[in-house]
PDB file of all heavy atoms in Angstrom:
ATOM      1  N   VAL A   1     107.826  79.639 102.028  1.00  0.00           N
ATOM      2  CA  VAL A   1     108.793  78.670 101.432  1.00  0.00           C
ATOM      3  C   VAL A   1     108.007  77.483 100.898  1.00  0.00           C
ATOM      4  O   VAL A   1     108.385  76.889  99.860  1.00  0.00           O
ATOM      5  CB  VAL A   1     109.708  78.102 102.639  1.00  0.00           C
ATOM      6  CG1 VAL A   1     110.453  76.939 102.167  1.00  0.00           C
ATOM      7  CG2 VAL A   1     110.612  79.228 103.133  1.00  0.00           C
ATOM      8  N   SER A   2     106.772  77.262 101.444  1.00  0.00           N
ATOM      9  CA  SER A   2     106.006  76.112 100.935  1.00  0.00           C
ATOM     10  C   SER A   2     105.537  76.377  99.432  1.00  0.00           C
ATOM     11  O   SER A   2     105.308  75.361  98.658  1.00  0.00           O
ATOM     12  CB  SER A   2     104.726  75.936 101.732  1.00  0.00           C
ATOM     13  OG  SER A   2     103.692  76.954 101.538  1.00  0.00           O
ATOM     14  N   PHE A   3     105.542  77.573  99.021  1.00  0.00           N
ATOM     15  CA  PHE A   3     105.106  77.867  97.582  1.00  0.00           C
ATOM     16  C   PHE A   3     106.301  77.376  96.632  1.00  0.00           C
ATOM     17  O   PHE A   3     106.052  77.197  95.418  1.00  0.00           O
ATOM     18  CB  PHE A   3     104.861  79.387  97.382  1.00  0.00           C
ATOM     19  CG  PHE A   3     103.671  79.846  98.004  1.00  0.00           C
ATOM     20  CD1 PHE A   3     103.739  80.848  99.101  1.00  0.00           C
ATOM     21  CD2 PHE A   3     102.413  79.367  97.796  1.00  0.00           C
ATOM     22  CE1 PHE A   3     102.655  81.324  99.662  1.00  0.00           C
ATOM     23  CE2 PHE A   3     101.287  79.819  98.500  1.00  0.00           C
ATOM     24  CZ  PHE A   3     101.436  80.786  99.394  1.00  0.00           C
ATOM     25  N   GLY A   4     107.442  77.300  97.142  1.00  0.00           N
ATOM     26  CA  GLY A   4     108.637  77.051  96.274  1.00  0.00           C
ATOM     27  C   GLY A   4     109.408  78.398  96.111  1.00  0.00           C
ATOM     28  O   GLY A   4     109.002  79.402  96.648  1.00  0.00           O
ATOM     29  N   PRO A   5     110.523  78.289  95.413  1.00  0.00           N
ATOM     30  CA  PRO A   5     111.311  79.514  95.119  1.00  0.00           C
ATOM     31  C   PRO A   5     110.607  80.527  94.502  1.00  0.00           C
ATOM     32  O   PRO A   5     109.936  80.242  93.456  1.00  0.00           O
ATOM     33  CB  PRO A   5     112.555  79.013  94.238  1.00  0.00           C
ATOM     34  CG  PRO A   5     112.647  77.569  94.583  1.00  0.00           C
ATOM     35  CD  PRO A   5     111.216  77.111  94.842  1.00  0.00           C
ATOM     36  N   ARG A   6     110.511  81.760  94.977  1.00  0.00           N
ATOM     37  CA  ARG A   6     109.693  82.839  94.462  1.00  0.00           C
ATOM     38  C   ARG A   6     110.378  83.606  93.445  1.00  0.00           C
ATOM     39  O   ARG A   6     110.729  84.917  93.626  1.00  0.00           O
ATOM     40  CB  ARG A   6     109.252  83.749  95.659  1.00  0.00           C
ATOM     41  CG  ARG A   6     108.067  83.167  96.453  1.00  0.00           C
ATOM     42  CD  ARG A   6     108.574  82.166  97.479  1.00  0.00           C
ATOM     43  NE  ARG A   6     109.360  82.776  98.489  1.00  0.00           N
ATOM     44  CZ  ARG A   6     110.233  82.089  99.188  1.00  0.00           C
ATOM     45  NH1 ARG A   6     110.394  80.729  98.926  1.00  0.00           N
ATOM     46  NH2 ARG A   6     110.918  82.680 100.105  1.00  0.00           N
ATOM     47  N   VAL A   7     110.725  83.067  92.352  1.00  0.00           N
ATOM     48  CA  VAL A   7     111.509  83.549  91.271  1.00  0.00           C
ATOM     49  C   VAL A   7     110.598  84.121  90.252  1.00  0.00           C
ATOM     50  O   VAL A   7     109.376  83.662  89.952  1.00  0.00           O
ATOM     51  CB  VAL A   7     112.321  82.447  90.440  1.00  0.00           C
ATOM     52  CG1 VAL A   7     113.020  83.092  89.273  1.00  0.00           C
ATOM     53  CG2 VAL A   7     113.356  81.920  91.447  1.00  0.00           C
ATOM     54  N   LEU A   8     110.861  85.392  89.755  1.00  0.00           N
ATOM     55  CA  LEU A   8     109.906  86.117  88.839  1.00  0.00           C
ATOM     56  C   LEU A   8     109.522  85.239  87.712  1.00  0.00           C
ATOM     57  O   LEU A   8     110.208  84.499  87.088  1.00  0.00           O
ATOM     58  CB  LEU A   8     110.689  87.257  88.348  1.00  0.00           C
ATOM     59  CG  LEU A   8     110.677  88.509  89.253  1.00  0.00           C
ATOM     60  CD1 LEU A   8     111.723  88.297  90.350  1.00  0.00           C
ATOM     61  CD2 LEU A   8     110.868  89.712  88.432  1.00  0.00           C
ATOM     62  N   GLY A   9     108.259  85.307  87.324  1.00  0.00           N
ATOM     63  CA  GLY A   9     107.671  84.538  86.294  1.00  0.00           C
ATOM     64  C   GLY A   9     107.162  83.122  86.633  1.00  0.00           C
ATOM     65  O   GLY A   9     106.681  82.475  85.637  1.00  0.00           O
ATOM     66  N   THR A  10     107.218  82.754  87.873  1.00  0.00           N
ATOM     67  CA  THR A  10     106.848  81.442  88.203  1.00  0.00           C
ATOM     68  C   THR A  10     105.531  81.382  88.907  1.00  0.00           C
ATOM     69  O   THR A  10     105.041  82.398  89.421  1.00  0.00           O
ATOM     70  CB  THR A  10     107.987  80.799  89.108  1.00  0.00           C
ATOM     71  OG1 THR A  10     107.934  81.463  90.378  1.00  0.00           O
ATOM     72  CG2 THR A  10     109.379  80.641  88.510  1.00  0.00           C
ATOM     73  N   ASN A  11     104.932  80.299  88.992  1.00  0.00           N
ATOM     74  CA  ASN A  11     103.754  80.103  89.672  1.00  0.00           C
ATOM     75  C   ASN A  11     103.916  80.470  91.229  1.00  0.00           C
ATOM     76  O   ASN A  11     103.015  80.903  91.790  1.00  0.00           O
ATOM     77  CB  ASN A  11     103.045  78.732  89.515  1.00  0.00           C
ATOM     78  CG  ASN A  11     102.624  78.512  88.085  1.00  0.00           C
ATOM     79  OD1 ASN A  11     102.268  79.402  87.418  1.00  0.00           O
ATOM     80  ND2 ASN A  11     102.563  77.210  87.670  1.00  0.00           N
ATOM     81  N   ALA A  12     104.965  79.974  91.635  1.00  0.00           N
ATOM     82  CA  ALA A  12     105.323  80.259  93.164  1.00  0.00           C
ATOM     83  C   ALA A  12     105.427  81.693  93.431  1.00  0.00           C
ATOM     84  O   ALA A  12     104.938  82.178  94.523  1.00  0.00           O
ATOM     85  CB  ALA A  12     106.752  79.574  93.553  1.00  0.00           C
ATOM     86  N   HIS A  13     106.015  82.540  92.605  1.00  0.00           N
ATOM     87  CA  HIS A  13     106.057  83.901  92.687  1.00  0.00           C
ATOM     88  C   HIS A  13     104.666  84.505  92.853  1.00  0.00           C
ATOM     89  O   HIS A  13     104.339  85.297  93.580  1.00  0.00           O
ATOM     90  CB  HIS A  13     106.885  84.482  91.598  1.00  0.00           C
ATOM     91  CG  HIS A  13     107.150  85.894  91.603  1.00  0.00           C
ATOM     92  ND1 HIS A  13     106.386  86.869  91.009  1.00  0.00           N
ATOM     93  CD2 HIS A  13     108.071  86.704  92.237  1.00  0.00           C
ATOM     94  CE1 HIS A  13     106.786  88.082  91.207  1.00  0.00           C
ATOM     95  NE2 HIS A  13     107.892  88.007  92.003  1.00  0.00           N
ATOM     96  N   GLU A  14     103.773  84.112  91.790  1.00  0.00           N
ATOM     97  CA  GLU A  14     102.521  84.664  91.692  1.00  0.00           C
ATOM     98  C   GLU A  14     101.741  84.295  93.028  1.00  0.00           C
ATOM     99  O   GLU A  14     101.008  85.049  93.516  1.00  0.00           O
ATOM    100  CB  GLU A  14     101.706  84.103  90.473  1.00  0.00           C
ATOM    101  CG  GLU A  14     100.331  84.557  90.221  1.00  0.00           C
ATOM    102  CD  GLU A  14     100.251  86.022  89.923  1.00  0.00           C
ATOM    103  OE1 GLU A  14     101.326  86.557  89.422  1.00  0.00           O
ATOM    104  OE2 GLU A  14      99.168  86.734  90.054  1.00  0.00           O
ATOM    105  N   ALA A  15     101.748  82.989  93.363  1.00  0.00           N
ATOM    106  CA  ALA A  15     101.052  82.516  94.613  1.00  0.00           C
ATOM    107  C   ALA A  15     101.509  83.278  95.890  1.00  0.00           C
ATOM    108  O   ALA A  15     100.624  83.655  96.687  1.00  0.00           O
ATOM    109  CB  ALA A  15     101.145  81.022  94.782  1.00  0.00           C
ATOM    110  N   CYS A  16     102.688  83.472  96.055  1.00  0.00           N
ATOM    111  CA  CYS A  16     103.244  84.065  97.210  1.00  0.00           C
ATOM    112  C   CYS A  16     102.975  85.615  97.214  1.00  0.00           C
ATOM    113  O   CYS A  16     102.500  86.231  98.217  1.00  0.00           O
ATOM    114  CB  CYS A  16     104.827  83.963  97.271  1.00  0.00           C
ATOM    115  SG  CYS A  16     105.404  84.483  98.838  1.00  0.00           S
ATOM    116  N   GLY A  17     102.890  86.223  96.070  1.00  0.00           N
ATOM    117  CA  GLY A  17     102.563  87.630  95.991  1.00  0.00           C
ATOM    118  C   GLY A  17     100.987  87.748  96.448  1.00  0.00           C
ATOM    119  O   GLY A  17     100.661  88.804  97.068  1.00  0.00           O
ATOM    120  N   ASN A  18     100.226  86.870  95.985  1.00  0.00           N
ATOM    121  CA  ASN A  18      98.818  86.879  96.448  1.00  0.00           C
ATOM    122  C   ASN A  18      98.710  86.741  97.864  1.00  0.00           C
ATOM    123  O   ASN A  18      97.860  87.331  98.546  1.00  0.00           O
ATOM    124  CB  ASN A  18      98.127  85.887  95.694  1.00  0.00           C
ATOM    125  CG  ASN A  18      97.983  86.100  94.186  1.00  0.00           C
ATOM    126  OD1 ASN A  18      98.056  87.373  93.740  1.00  0.00           O
ATOM    127  ND2 ASN A  18      97.722  85.133  93.294  1.00  0.00           N
ATOM    128  N   TYR A  19      99.431  85.821  98.419  1.00  0.00           N
ATOM    129  CA  TYR A  19      99.432  85.568  99.871  1.00  0.00           C
ATOM    130  C   TYR A  19      99.809  86.726 100.724  1.00  0.00           C
ATOM    131  O   TYR A  19      99.135  87.160 101.591  1.00  0.00           O
ATOM    132  CB  TYR A  19     100.372  84.364 100.185  1.00  0.00           C
ATOM    133  CG  TYR A  19     100.697  84.176 101.669  1.00  0.00           C
ATOM    134  CD1 TYR A  19      99.636  83.556 102.475  1.00  0.00           C
ATOM    135  CD2 TYR A  19     101.797  84.458 102.163  1.00  0.00           C
ATOM    136  CE1 TYR A  19      99.888  83.493 103.872  1.00  0.00           C
ATOM    137  CE2 TYR A  19     102.024  84.202 103.644  1.00  0.00           C
ATOM    138  CZ  TYR A  19     101.062  83.717 104.471  1.00  0.00           C
ATOM    139  OH  TYR A  19     101.315  83.501 105.694  1.00  0.00           O
ATOM    140  N   LEU A  20     100.858  87.455 100.237  1.00  0.00           N
ATOM    141  CA  LEU A  20     101.380  88.556 101.088  1.00  0.00           C
ATOM    142  C   LEU A  20     100.369  89.749 100.946  1.00  0.00           C
ATOM    143  O   LEU A  20     100.137  90.337 102.047  1.00  0.00           O
ATOM    144  CB  LEU A  20     102.803  89.114 100.565  1.00  0.00           C
ATOM    145  CG  LEU A  20     103.878  88.116 100.730  1.00  0.00           C
ATOM    146  CD1 LEU A  20     105.124  88.610  99.929  1.00  0.00           C
ATOM    147  CD2 LEU A  20     104.268  87.890 102.150  1.00  0.00           C
ATOM    148  N   SER A  21      99.788  89.926  99.849  1.00  0.00           N
ATOM    149  CA  SER A  21      98.788  90.921  99.584  1.00  0.00           C
ATOM    150  C   SER A  21      97.563  90.623 100.440  1.00  0.00           C
ATOM    151  O   SER A  21      97.045  91.660 101.120  1.00  0.00           O
ATOM    152  CB  SER A  21      98.330  91.074  98.202  1.00  0.00           C
ATOM    153  OG  SER A  21      97.431  91.937  98.027  1.00  0.00           O
ATOM    154  N   ASP A  22      97.022  89.353 100.431  1.00  0.00           N
ATOM    155  CA  ASP A  22      95.843  89.016 101.145  1.00  0.00           C
ATOM    156  C   ASP A  22      96.069  89.112 102.623  1.00  0.00           C
ATOM    157  O   ASP A  22      95.142  89.498 103.485  1.00  0.00           O
ATOM    158  CB  ASP A  22      95.429  87.606 100.834  1.00  0.00           C
ATOM    159  CG  ASP A  22      94.930  87.420  99.293  1.00  0.00           C
ATOM    160  OD1 ASP A  22      94.602  88.551  98.706  1.00  0.00           O
ATOM    161  OD2 ASP A  22      94.716  86.281  98.898  1.00  0.00           O
ATOM    162  N   GLU A  23      97.275  88.730 103.216  1.00  0.00           N
ATOM    163  CA  GLU A  23      97.538  88.862 104.618  1.00  0.00           C
ATOM    164  C   GLU A  23      97.509  90.347 105.018  1.00  0.00           C
ATOM    165  O   GLU A  23      97.018  90.707 106.039  1.00  0.00           O
ATOM    166  CB  GLU A  23      98.974  88.173 104.949  1.00  0.00           C
ATOM    167  CG  GLU A  23      98.874  86.702 104.849  1.00  0.00           C
ATOM    168  CD  GLU A  23      97.988  86.058 105.759  1.00  0.00           C
ATOM    169  OE1 GLU A  23      98.163  85.865 107.028  1.00  0.00           O
ATOM    170  OE2 GLU A  23      96.806  85.793 105.403  1.00  0.00           O
ATOM    171  N   LEU A  24      98.180  91.297 104.343  1.00  0.00           N
ATOM    172  CA  LEU A  24      98.062  92.668 104.544  1.00  0.00           C
ATOM    173  C   LEU A  24      96.731  93.152 104.688  1.00  0.00           C
ATOM    174  O   LEU A  24      96.344  93.919 105.620  1.00  0.00           O
ATOM    175  CB  LEU A  24      98.889  93.458 103.560  1.00  0.00           C
ATOM    176  CG  LEU A  24     100.530  93.193 103.742  1.00  0.00           C
ATOM    177  CD1 LEU A  24     101.233  93.943 102.486  1.00  0.00           C
ATOM    178  CD2 LEU A  24     101.045  93.857 104.986  1.00  0.00           C
ATOM    179  N   LYS A  25      95.878  92.771 103.712  1.00  0.00           N
ATOM    180  CA  LYS A  25      94.514  93.288 103.766  1.00  0.00           C
ATOM    181  C   LYS A  25      93.799  92.673 104.882  1.00  0.00           C
ATOM    182  O   LYS A  25      92.916  93.321 105.606  1.00  0.00           O
ATOM    183  CB  LYS A  25      93.880  92.656 102.368  1.00  0.00           C
ATOM    184  CG  LYS A  25      94.326  93.443 101.159  1.00  0.00           C
ATOM    185  CD  LYS A  25      93.585  92.912 100.009  1.00  0.00           C
ATOM    186  CE  LYS A  25      94.066  93.400  98.756  1.00  0.00           C
ATOM    187  NZ  LYS A  25      93.390  92.867  97.466  1.00  0.00           N
ATOM    188  N   ARG A  26      94.099  91.401 105.288  1.00  0.00           N
ATOM    189  CA  ARG A  26      93.431  90.787 106.406  1.00  0.00           C
ATOM    190  C   ARG A  26      93.714  91.512 107.751  1.00  0.00           C
ATOM    191  O   ARG A  26      92.930  91.574 108.615  1.00  0.00           O
ATOM    192  CB  ARG A  26      93.885  89.279 106.558  1.00  0.00           C
ATOM    193  CG  ARG A  26      93.097  88.530 107.545  1.00  0.00           C
ATOM    194  CD  ARG A  26      93.272  87.118 107.292  1.00  0.00           C
ATOM    195  NE  ARG A  26      94.577  86.547 107.540  1.00  0.00           N
ATOM    196  CZ  ARG A  26      95.087  86.161 108.806  1.00  0.00           C
ATOM    197  NH1 ARG A  26      94.211  86.061 109.767  1.00  0.00           N
ATOM    198  NH2 ARG A  26      96.267  85.755 108.964  1.00  0.00           N
ATOM    199  N   PHE A  27      95.023  92.006 107.776  1.00  0.00           N
ATOM    200  CA  PHE A  27      95.339  92.768 108.966  1.00  0.00           C
ATOM    201  C   PHE A  27      94.846  94.263 109.023  1.00  0.00           C
ATOM    202  O   PHE A  27      95.155  94.991 109.978  1.00  0.00           O
ATOM    203  CB  PHE A  27      96.993  92.780 109.147  1.00  0.00           C
ATOM    204  CG  PHE A  27      97.396  91.346 109.261  1.00  0.00           C
ATOM    205  CD1 PHE A  27      98.733  91.060 108.598  1.00  0.00           C
ATOM    206  CD2 PHE A  27      96.705  90.296 109.806  1.00  0.00           C
ATOM    207  CE1 PHE A  27      99.279  89.736 108.775  1.00  0.00           C
ATOM    208  CE2 PHE A  27      97.242  89.029 109.887  1.00  0.00           C
ATOM    209  CZ  PHE A  27      98.446  88.764 109.387  1.00  0.00           C
ATOM    210  N   GLY A  28      94.121  94.619 107.998  1.00  0.00           N
ATOM    211  CA  GLY A  28      93.601  95.946 107.962  1.00  0.00           C
ATOM    212  C   GLY A  28      94.317  97.006 107.148  1.00  0.00           C
ATOM    213  O   GLY A  28      93.970  98.275 107.194  1.00  0.00           O
ATOM    214  N   ALA A  29      95.281  96.651 106.432  1.00  0.00           N
ATOM    215  CA  ALA A  29      96.079  97.636 105.579  1.00  0.00           C
ATOM    216  C   ALA A  29      95.441  97.941 104.326  1.00  0.00           C
ATOM    217  O   ALA A  29      94.643  97.162 103.788  1.00  0.00           O
ATOM    218  CB  ALA A  29      97.506  97.114 105.263  1.00  0.00           C
TER     219      ALA A  29
END
């Protein structure tokens, strides 16, 4: 939520996508 609304094409969407991907990697996926 801190990134802002995760609407396609926005900086918030890009930042949140990177966060989710990085967290999955950090957990070993």
